[in-house]
Amino acid sequence: MKALTILQYQWKDLLRGKWIVGYGFIYLLIADAMIRFGGAGPKALLSISNIMLLLIPLVGMIYGALYLYQSREFTELLLAQPIDRPTLFWGLFGGLALPLALAFTAGTLLPILYSGMIITASLRSILLILLLGNVLTLLFTGLGFWFGLRFFEDRVKGLGFALVSWLFLAVLYDGLILLAVFAFGDYPIEKPMLGLALANPIDLARITVLLEFDISALMGYTGAVFNRFFGSAAGITVAAVCLLLWTITPLWRGNRLFLKKDF
């Protein structure tokens, strides 16, 4: 009950701030534009997923890190009450991650519904995109919480670390893999490349989408290796399990730091 009370307060506070509504509205505009220009089919879903893979990690990590700094006085007040720290941690995390996930889901789903795309496109593909968006929201908000707690006394360092991590995972990672392929192309590097794909949650989500749509030309080297080792159905399952582990790990680490943190 205490966790639910914290969640309710956090949700009301976010709604008063209006930015969570704006976040959902951005996805509504993006999804509407992709459907209008790309048609109500796989092309529009791929475009939505590409933007999702860039925007969700960025917002999740930045707000996850900033949220702890902004709510420090509120956290200290609650710690003075008879509330145990794990309950408070999960209440704070859920108070941010769940509204972000809801805003993404509502903003993306509404254009899919009113455009009739829910009928013309594959329901399984639509559900996969929505599920991946929610998983990435939880995952990167958890990473943001972890970074925020890790660099709690230095706000600039925590925010900078979150931005650099997003830049590396979302932009630079694939370029470095491509350089490695060119440099070591004469050696058997498929298994190391598979390991590198598993080490990046954004890559895992992208590969999952491409396996679902069976677009081998867009998979890139890591996606092609992934498909060769596991195939489409098994590949999606392996990627889903790895994404689950990626989601659990930063939350577990963040919870441990929160329990030891001297506020």
C-alpha atoms as a PDB file:
ATOM      1  CA  MET A   1       0.000   0.000   0.000  1.00  0.00           C
ATOM      2  CA  LYS A   2       2.866   2.409   0.804  1.00  0.00           C
ATOM      3  CA  ALA A   3       4.399   1.831  -2.638  1.00  0.00           C
ATOM      4  CA  LEU A   4       1.035   2.541  -4.291  1.00  0.00           C
ATOM      5  CA  THR A   5       0.676   5.762  -2.302  1.00  0.00           C
ATOM      6  CA  ILE A   6       4.124   6.895  -3.493  1.00  0.00           C
ATOM      7  CA  LEU A   7       3.214   5.958  -7.072  1.00  0.00           C
ATOM      8  CA  GLN A   8      -0.018   7.964  -6.926  1.00  0.00           C
ATOM      9  CA  TYR A   9       1.772  11.042  -5.612  1.00  0.00           C
ATOM     10  CA  GLN A  10       4.501  10.748  -8.268  1.00  0.00           C
ATOM     11  CA  TRP A  11       1.970  10.349 -11.068  1.00  0.00           C
ATOM     12  CA  LYS A  12       0.010  13.416  -9.935  1.00  0.00           C
ATOM     13  CA  ASP A  13       3.234  15.412  -9.713  1.00  0.00           C
ATOM     14  CA  LEU A  14       4.275  14.390 -13.230  1.00  0.00           C
ATOM     15  CA  LEU A  15       0.861  15.258 -14.659  1.00  0.00           C
ATOM     16  CA  ARG A  16       0.996  18.683 -13.006  1.00  0.00           C
ATOM     17  CA  GLY A  17       4.337  19.263 -14.682  1.00  0.00           C
ATOM     18  CA  LYS A  18       2.725  18.593 -18.108  1.00  0.00           C
ATOM     19  CA  TRP A  19       5.989  17.330 -19.656  1.00  0.00           C
ATOM     20  CA  ILE A  20       4.846  13.693 -19.530  1.00  0.00           C
ATOM     21  CA  VAL A  21       1.810  14.705 -21.639  1.00  0.00           C
ATOM     22  CA  GLY A  22       4.151  16.441 -24.086  1.00  0.00           C
ATOM     23  CA  TYR A  23       6.290  13.301 -24.261  1.00  0.00           C
ATOM     24  CA  GLY A  24       3.261  11.221 -25.250  1.00  0.00           C
ATOM     25  CA  PHE A  25       2.186  13.891 -27.740  1.00  0.00           C
ATOM     26  CA  ILE A  26       5.596  13.697 -29.456  1.00  0.00           C
ATOM     27  CA  TYR A  27       5.066   9.985 -30.103  1.00  0.00           C
ATOM     28  CA  LEU A  28       1.555  10.684 -31.362  1.00  0.00           C
ATOM     29  CA  LEU A  29       2.908  13.191 -33.900  1.00  0.00           C
ATOM     30  CA  ILE A  30       5.736  10.855 -34.930  1.00  0.00           C
ATOM     31  CA  ALA A  31       3.482   7.820 -35.364  1.00  0.00           C
ATOM     32  CA  ASP A  32       0.867   9.875 -37.228  1.00  0.00           C
ATOM     33  CA  ALA A  33       3.497  11.288 -39.615  1.00  0.00           C
ATOM     34  CA  MET A  34       5.094   7.875 -40.248  1.00  0.00           C
ATOM     35  CA  ILE A  35       1.701   6.323 -41.036  1.00  0.00           C
ATOM     36  CA  ARG A  36       0.682   9.199 -43.324  1.00  0.00           C
ATOM     37  CA  PHE A  37       3.927   9.157 -45.319  1.00  0.00           C
ATOM     38  CA  GLY A  38       4.818   5.465 -45.050  1.00  0.00           C
ATOM     39  CA  GLY A  39       1.387   3.889 -45.330  1.00  0.00           C
ATOM     40  CA  ALA A  40      -0.393   1.706 -42.792  1.00  0.00           C
ATOM     41  CA  GLY A  41       1.992  -1.230 -43.064  1.00  0.00           C
ATOM     42  CA  PRO A  42       5.427  -2.610 -42.141  1.00  0.00           C
ATOM     43  CA  LYS A  43       7.290   0.432 -43.499  1.00  0.00           C
ATOM     44  CA  ALA A  44       5.560   2.744 -41.024  1.00  0.00           C
ATOM     45  CA  LEU A  45       6.184   0.337 -38.131  1.00  0.00           C
ATOM     46  CA  LEU A  46       9.879   0.141 -39.004  1.00  0.00           C
ATOM     47  CA  SER A  47      10.105   3.943 -39.096  1.00  0.00           C
ATOM     48  CA  ILE A  48       8.371   4.209 -35.716  1.00  0.00           C
ATOM     49  CA  SER A  49      10.702   1.591 -34.241  1.00  0.00           C
ATOM     50  CA  ASN A  50      13.823   3.391 -35.552  1.00  0.00           C
ATOM     51  CA  ILE A  51      12.813   6.633 -33.842  1.00  0.00           C
ATOM     52  CA  MET A  52      11.781   4.703 -30.726  1.00  0.00           C
ATOM     53  CA  LEU A  53      15.243   3.096 -30.498  1.00  0.00           C
ATOM     54  CA  LEU A  54      16.860   6.542 -30.363  1.00  0.00           C
ATOM     55  CA  LEU A  55      14.372   8.546 -28.304  1.00  0.00           C
ATOM     56  CA  ILE A  56      13.370   6.126 -25.539  1.00  0.00           C
ATOM     57  CA  PRO A  57      16.944   5.388 -24.314  1.00  0.00           C
ATOM     58  CA  LEU A  58      17.802   9.104 -24.360  1.00  0.00           C
ATOM     59  CA  VAL A  59      14.734  10.215 -22.406  1.00  0.00           C
ATOM     60  CA  GLY A  60      14.849   7.236 -20.026  1.00  0.00           C
ATOM     61  CA  MET A  61      18.480   7.752 -19.015  1.00  0.00           C
ATOM     62  CA  ILE A  62      18.323  11.546 -18.744  1.00  0.00           C
ATOM     63  CA  TYR A  63      15.109  11.694 -16.728  1.00  0.00           C
ATOM     64  CA  GLY A  64      16.093   8.639 -14.699  1.00  0.00           C
ATOM     65  CA  ALA A  65      19.278  10.402 -13.603  1.00  0.00           C
ATOM     66  CA  LEU A  66      17.734  13.864 -13.130  1.00  0.00           C
ATOM     67  CA  TYR A  67      14.668  12.566 -11.314  1.00  0.00           C
ATOM     68  CA  LEU A  68      16.659  11.488  -8.263  1.00  0.00           C
ATOM     69  CA  TYR A  69      18.348  14.884  -7.992  1.00  0.00           C
ATOM     70  CA  GLN A  70      15.061  16.742  -8.373  1.00  0.00           C
ATOM     71  CA  SER A  71      13.243  14.590  -5.826  1.00  0.00           C
ATOM     72  CA  ARG A  72      16.020  14.568  -3.216  1.00  0.00           C
ATOM     73  CA  GLU A  73      14.074  16.590  -0.622  1.00  0.00           C
ATOM     74  CA  PHE A  74      10.991  14.437  -1.170  1.00  0.00           C
ATOM     75  CA  THR A  75      13.105  11.292  -0.785  1.00  0.00           C
ATOM     76  CA  GLU A  76      14.660  12.566   2.453  1.00  0.00           C
ATOM     77  CA  LEU A  77      11.196  13.400   3.796  1.00  0.00           C
ATOM     78  CA  LEU A  78       9.903   9.903   3.051  1.00  0.00           C
ATOM     79  CA  LEU A  79      12.997   8.291   4.555  1.00  0.00           C
ATOM     80  CA  ALA A  80      12.109  10.040   7.820  1.00  0.00           C
ATOM     81  CA  GLN A  81       8.775   8.186   7.766  1.00  0.00           C
ATOM     82  CA  PRO A  82       8.244   4.504   8.618  1.00  0.00           C
ATOM     83  CA  ILE A  83       8.894   3.413   5.014  1.00  0.00           C
ATOM     84  CA  ASP A  84      11.552   0.833   4.191  1.00  0.00           C
ATOM     85  CA  ARG A  85      14.059   1.715   1.494  1.00  0.00           C
ATOM     86  CA  PRO A  86      13.180  -1.037  -1.040  1.00  0.00           C
ATOM     87  CA  THR A  87       9.542   0.127  -1.029  1.00  0.00           C
ATOM     88  CA  LEU A  88      10.631   3.729  -1.559  1.00  0.00           C
ATOM     89  CA  PHE A  89      13.039   2.788  -4.369  1.00  0.00           C
ATOM     90  CA  TRP A  90      10.414   0.841  -6.299  1.00  0.00           C
ATOM     91  CA  GLY A  91       7.851   3.554  -5.666  1.00  0.00           C
ATOM     92  CA  LEU A  92      10.162   6.243  -7.065  1.00  0.00           C
ATOM     93  CA  PHE A  93      11.154   4.090 -10.037  1.00  0.00           C
ATOM     94  CA  GLY A  94       7.578   3.102 -10.844  1.00  0.00           C
ATOM     95  CA  GLY A  95       6.449   6.700 -10.433  1.00  0.00           C
ATOM     96  CA  LEU A  96       8.650   7.681 -13.378  1.00  0.00           C
ATOM     97  CA  ALA A  97       9.012   4.554 -15.535  1.00  0.00           C
ATOM     98  CA  LEU A  98       5.322   3.601 -15.673  1.00  0.00           C
ATOM     99  CA  PRO A  99       4.081   7.063 -16.802  1.00  0.00           C
ATOM    100  CA  LEU A 100       6.845   7.144 -19.441  1.00  0.00           C
ATOM    101  CA  ALA A 101       5.789   3.704 -20.685  1.00  0.00           C
ATOM    102  CA  LEU A 102       2.115   4.722 -20.673  1.00  0.00           C
ATOM    103  CA  ALA A 103       2.866   7.942 -22.576  1.00  0.00           C
ATOM    104  CA  PHE A 104       4.795   6.004 -25.230  1.00  0.00           C
ATOM    105  CA  THR A 105       2.074   3.351 -25.544  1.00  0.00           C
ATOM    106  CA  ALA A 106      -0.810   5.839 -25.777  1.00  0.00           C
ATOM    107  CA  GLY A 107       1.028   8.188 -28.138  1.00  0.00           C
ATOM    108  CA  THR A 108       1.997   5.358 -30.504  1.00  0.00           C
ATOM    109  CA  LEU A 109      -1.190   3.321 -30.306  1.00  0.00           C
ATOM    110  CA  LEU A 110      -3.704   6.111 -30.940  1.00  0.00           C
ATOM    111  CA  PRO A 111      -2.593   6.821 -34.556  1.00  0.00           C
ATOM    112  CA  ILE A 112      -2.438   3.072 -35.202  1.00  0.00           C
ATOM    113  CA  LEU A 113      -6.064   2.781 -34.089  1.00  0.00           C
ATOM    114  CA  TYR A 114      -7.629   5.789 -35.796  1.00  0.00           C
ATOM    115  CA  SER A 115      -5.702   5.222 -39.067  1.00  0.00           C
ATOM    116  CA  GLY A 116      -7.025   1.652 -39.324  1.00  0.00           C
ATOM    117  CA  MET A 117      -3.492   0.273 -39.209  1.00  0.00           C
ATOM    118  CA  ILE A 118      -4.588  -2.149 -36.503  1.00  0.00           C
ATOM    119  CA  ILE A 119      -6.485  -3.973 -39.273  1.00  0.00           C
ATOM    120  CA  THR A 120      -4.134  -3.619 -42.236  1.00  0.00           C
ATOM    121  CA  ALA A 121      -0.855  -4.402 -40.448  1.00  0.00           C
ATOM    122  CA  SER A 122       0.217  -7.496 -38.527  1.00  0.00           C
ATOM    123  CA  LEU A 123      -1.157  -7.377 -34.973  1.00  0.00           C
ATOM    124  CA  ARG A 124       1.834  -9.373 -33.750  1.00  0.00           C
ATOM    125  CA  SER A 125       4.257  -6.790 -35.184  1.00  0.00           C
ATOM    126  CA  ILE A 126       2.335  -3.913 -33.607  1.00  0.00           C
ATOM    127  CA  LEU A 127       2.318  -5.624 -30.213  1.00  0.00           C
ATOM    128  CA  LEU A 128       6.041  -6.390 -30.534  1.00  0.00           C
ATOM    129  CA  ILE A 129       6.861  -2.710 -31.195  1.00  0.00           C
ATOM    130  CA  LEU A 130       4.760  -1.614 -28.205  1.00  0.00           C
ATOM    131  CA  LEU A 131       6.266  -4.301 -25.961  1.00  0.00           C
ATOM    132  CA  LEU A 132       9.822  -3.407 -26.947  1.00  0.00           C
ATOM    133  CA  GLY A 133       9.109   0.277 -26.304  1.00  0.00           C
ATOM    134  CA  ASN A 134       7.862  -0.502 -22.794  1.00  0.00           C
ATOM    135  CA  VAL A 135      10.799  -2.824 -22.049  1.00  0.00           C
ATOM    136  CA  LEU A 136      13.305  -0.210 -23.256  1.00  0.00           C
ATOM    137  CA  THR A 137      11.568   2.419 -21.118  1.00  0.00           C
ATOM    138  CA  LEU A 138      11.947   0.294 -17.984  1.00  0.00           C
ATOM    139  CA  LEU A 139      15.499  -0.692 -18.937  1.00  0.00           C
ATOM    140  CA  PHE A 140      16.894   2.780 -19.625  1.00  0.00           C
ATOM    141  CA  THR A 141      15.009   4.459 -16.801  1.00  0.00           C
ATOM    142  CA  GLY A 142      16.613   1.834 -14.563  1.00  0.00           C
ATOM    143  CA  LEU A 143      20.033   2.667 -16.052  1.00  0.00           C
ATOM    144  CA  GLY A 144      19.358   6.349 -15.422  1.00  0.00           C
ATOM    145  CA  PHE A 145      18.476   5.607 -11.789  1.00  0.00           C
ATOM    146  CA  TRP A 146      21.681   3.595 -11.431  1.00  0.00           C
ATOM    147  CA  PHE A 147      23.812   6.409 -12.892  1.00  0.00           C
ATOM    148  CA  GLY A 148      22.018   8.978 -10.752  1.00  0.00           C
ATOM    149  CA  LEU A 149      22.711   7.002  -7.574  1.00  0.00           C
ATOM    150  CA  ARG A 150      26.264   6.179  -8.628  1.00  0.00           C
ATOM    151  CA  PHE A 151      27.114   9.884  -9.135  1.00  0.00           C
ATOM    152  CA  PHE A 152      24.561  11.256  -6.671  1.00  0.00           C
ATOM    153  CA  GLU A 153      26.808  13.974  -5.253  1.00  0.00           C
ATOM    154  CA  ASP A 154      27.788  15.305  -8.687  1.00  0.00           C
ATOM    155  CA  ARG A 155      24.742  16.100 -10.801  1.00  0.00           C
ATOM    156  CA  VAL A 156      26.732  17.197 -13.862  1.00  0.00           C
ATOM    157  CA  LYS A 157      28.823  14.019 -13.845  1.00  0.00           C
ATOM    158  CA  GLY A 158      25.739  11.794 -13.533  1.00  0.00           C
ATOM    159  CA  LEU A 159      23.943  13.551 -16.386  1.00  0.00           C
ATOM    160  CA  GLY A 160      27.107  13.586 -18.506  1.00  0.00           C
ATOM    161  CA  PHE A 161      27.665   9.878 -17.961  1.00  0.00           C
ATOM    162  CA  ALA A 162      24.061   9.168 -19.008  1.00  0.00           C
ATOM    163  CA  LEU A 163      24.440  11.232 -22.209  1.00  0.00           C
ATOM    164  CA  VAL A 164      27.778   9.657 -23.126  1.00  0.00           C
ATOM    165  CA  SER A 165      26.354   6.175 -22.507  1.00  0.00           C
ATOM    166  CA  TRP A 166      23.393   6.917 -24.799  1.00  0.00           C
ATOM    167  CA  LEU A 167      25.696   8.326 -27.489  1.00  0.00           C
ATOM    168  CA  PHE A 168      27.920   5.249 -27.317  1.00  0.00           C
ATOM    169  CA  LEU A 169      25.110   2.651 -27.334  1.00  0.00           C
ATOM    170  CA  ALA A 170      22.836   4.377 -29.870  1.00  0.00           C
ATOM    171  CA  VAL A 171      25.293   5.983 -32.292  1.00  0.00           C
ATOM    172  CA  LEU A 172      28.929   4.912 -31.940  1.00  0.00           C
ATOM    173  CA  TYR A 173      28.539   1.220 -31.112  1.00  0.00           C
ATOM    174  CA  ASP A 174      27.574   0.022 -34.589  1.00  0.00           C
ATOM    175  CA  GLY A 175      30.335   2.118 -36.142  1.00  0.00           C
ATOM    176  CA  LEU A 176      32.955   0.504 -33.901  1.00  0.00           C
ATOM    177  CA  ILE A 177      31.608  -2.951 -34.787  1.00  0.00           C
ATOM    178  CA  LEU A 178      31.888  -2.068 -38.485  1.00  0.00           C
ATOM    179  CA  LEU A 179      35.506  -1.005 -37.979  1.00  0.00           C
ATOM    180  CA  ALA A 180      36.211  -4.279 -36.182  1.00  0.00           C
ATOM    181  CA  VAL A 181      34.677  -6.244 -39.074  1.00  0.00           C
ATOM    182  CA  PHE A 182      36.902  -4.427 -41.582  1.00  0.00           C
ATOM    183  CA  ALA A 183      39.997  -4.815 -39.413  1.00  0.00           C
ATOM    184  CA  PHE A 184      39.539  -8.502 -38.540  1.00  0.00           C
ATOM    185  CA  GLY A 185      37.450  -9.700 -41.486  1.00  0.00           C
ATOM    186  CA  ASP A 186      39.985 -12.412 -42.342  1.00  0.00           C
ATOM    187  CA  TYR A 187      39.540 -14.079 -38.943  1.00  0.00           C
ATOM    188  CA  PRO A 188      36.609 -16.122 -37.556  1.00  0.00           C
ATOM    189  CA  ILE A 189      34.901 -13.303 -35.681  1.00  0.00           C
ATOM    190  CA  GLU A 190      31.253 -14.401 -35.821  1.00  0.00           C
ATOM    191  CA  LYS A 191      31.070 -15.523 -32.185  1.00  0.00           C
ATOM    192  CA  PRO A 192      32.743 -12.352 -30.814  1.00  0.00           C
ATOM    193  CA  MET A 193      30.339 -10.296 -32.938  1.00  0.00           C
ATOM    194  CA  LEU A 194      27.435 -12.247 -31.472  1.00  0.00           C
ATOM    195  CA  GLY A 195      28.709 -11.415 -27.991  1.00  0.00           C
ATOM    196  CA  LEU A 196      28.956  -7.732 -28.931  1.00  0.00           C
ATOM    197  CA  ALA A 197      25.345  -7.776 -30.150  1.00  0.00           C
ATOM    198  CA  LEU A 198      24.213  -9.217 -26.812  1.00  0.00           C
ATOM    199  CA  ALA A 199      26.164  -6.488 -24.987  1.00  0.00           C
ATOM    200  CA  ASN A 200      24.054  -3.634 -26.407  1.00  0.00           C
ATOM    201  CA  PRO A 201      20.317  -3.535 -25.524  1.00  0.00           C
ATOM    202  CA  ILE A 202      19.556  -1.086 -28.339  1.00  0.00           C
ATOM    203  CA  ASP A 203      21.143  -3.469 -30.839  1.00  0.00           C
ATOM    204  CA  LEU A 204      19.147  -6.355 -29.344  1.00  0.00           C
ATOM    205  CA  ALA A 205      15.880  -4.448 -29.753  1.00  0.00           C
ATOM    206  CA  ARG A 206      16.759  -3.435 -33.326  1.00  0.00           C
ATOM    207  CA  ILE A 207      17.687  -7.007 -34.259  1.00  0.00           C
ATOM    208  CA  THR A 208      14.424  -8.262 -32.721  1.00  0.00           C
ATOM    209  CA  VAL A 209      12.415  -5.864 -34.893  1.00  0.00           C
ATOM    210  CA  LEU A 210      14.320  -6.807 -38.056  1.00  0.00           C
ATOM    211  CA  LEU A 211      13.953 -10.534 -37.326  1.00  0.00           C
ATOM    212  CA  GLU A 212      10.212 -10.028 -36.900  1.00  0.00           C
ATOM    213  CA  PHE A 213       9.958  -8.305 -40.295  1.00  0.00           C
ATOM    214  CA  ASP A 214      12.547 -10.677 -41.828  1.00  0.00           C
ATOM    215  CA  ILE A 215      14.501  -7.871 -43.506  1.00  0.00           C
ATOM    216  CA  SER A 216      17.956  -9.375 -43.901  1.00  0.00           C
ATOM    217  CA  ALA A 217      19.256  -6.479 -46.005  1.00  0.00           C
ATOM    218  CA  LEU A 218      18.873  -4.051 -43.078  1.00  0.00           C
ATOM    219  CA  MET A 219      20.196  -6.287 -40.316  1.00  0.00           C
ATOM    220  CA  GLY A 220      23.832  -5.301 -40.571  1.00  0.00           C
ATOM    221  CA  TYR A 221      26.654  -7.657 -39.665  1.00  0.00           C
ATOM    222  CA  THR A 222      25.583  -8.381 -36.073  1.00  0.00           C
ATOM    223  CA  GLY A 223      21.963  -8.927 -37.129  1.00  0.00           C
ATOM    224  CA  ALA A 224      23.015 -11.316 -39.886  1.00  0.00           C
ATOM    225  CA  VAL A 225      25.217 -13.280 -37.454  1.00  0.00           C
ATOM    226  CA  PHE A 226      22.381 -13.353 -34.937  1.00  0.00           C
ATOM    227  CA  ASN A 227      19.975 -14.690 -37.557  1.00  0.00           C
ATOM    228  CA  ARG A 228      22.500 -17.285 -38.748  1.00  0.00           C
ATOM    229  CA  PHE A 229      23.095 -18.637 -35.244  1.00  0.00           C
ATOM    230  CA  PHE A 230      19.525 -18.642 -33.953  1.00  0.00           C
ATOM    231  CA  GLY A 231      17.094 -18.125 -36.837  1.00  0.00           C
ATOM    232  CA  SER A 232      14.124 -15.779 -36.641  1.00  0.00           C
ATOM    233  CA  ALA A 233      11.919 -17.367 -33.953  1.00  0.00           C
ATOM    234  CA  ALA A 234      14.745 -18.550 -31.699  1.00  0.00           C
ATOM    235  CA  GLY A 235      16.622 -15.286 -32.267  1.00  0.00           C
ATOM    236  CA  ILE A 236      13.672 -13.231 -31.016  1.00  0.00           C
ATOM    237  CA  THR A 237      13.458 -15.469 -27.927  1.00  0.00           C
ATOM    238  CA  VAL A 238      17.188 -15.157 -27.165  1.00  0.00           C
ATOM    239  CA  ALA A 239      17.054 -11.376 -27.655  1.00  0.00           C
ATOM    240  CA  ALA A 240      14.006 -11.146 -25.363  1.00  0.00           C
ATOM    241  CA  VAL A 241      15.769 -13.099 -22.588  1.00  0.00           C
ATOM    242  CA  CYS A 242      18.871 -10.907 -22.898  1.00  0.00           C
ATOM    243  CA  LEU A 243      16.752  -7.739 -22.798  1.00  0.00           C
ATOM    244  CA  LEU A 244      15.085  -9.057 -19.646  1.00  0.00           C
ATOM    245  CA  LEU A 245      18.507  -9.573 -18.047  1.00  0.00           C
ATOM    246  CA  TRP A 246      19.516  -6.080 -19.172  1.00  0.00           C
ATOM    247  CA  THR A 247      16.381  -4.692 -17.482  1.00  0.00           C
ATOM    248  CA  ILE A 248      16.887  -6.551 -14.203  1.00  0.00           C
ATOM    249  CA  THR A 249      20.613  -5.836 -13.748  1.00  0.00           C
ATOM    250  CA  PRO A 250      20.594  -2.000 -13.452  1.00  0.00           C
ATOM    251  CA  LEU A 251      17.495  -2.128 -11.233  1.00  0.00           C
ATOM    252  CA  TRP A 252      19.179  -4.644  -8.944  1.00  0.00           C
ATOM    253  CA  ARG A 253      22.342  -2.531  -8.818  1.00  0.00           C
ATOM    254  CA  GLY A 254      20.359   0.662  -8.320  1.00  0.00           C
ATOM    255  CA  ASN A 255      18.350  -0.865  -5.478  1.00  0.00           C
ATOM    256  CA  ARG A 256      21.560  -1.987  -3.732  1.00  0.00           C
ATOM    257  CA  LEU A 257      23.037   1.511  -4.049  1.00  0.00           C
ATOM    258  CA  PHE A 258      19.806   3.079  -2.766  1.00  0.00           C
ATOM    259  CA  LEU A 259      19.847   0.838   0.310  1.00  0.00           C
ATOM    260  CA  LYS A 260      23.399   1.986   1.186  1.00  0.00           C
ATOM    261  CA  LYS A 261      23.107   5.635   0.137  1.00  0.00           C
ATOM    262  CA  ASP A 262      23.498   8.232   2.869  1.00  0.00           C
ATOM    263  CA  PHE A 263      20.975  10.921   1.885  1.00  0.00           C
END
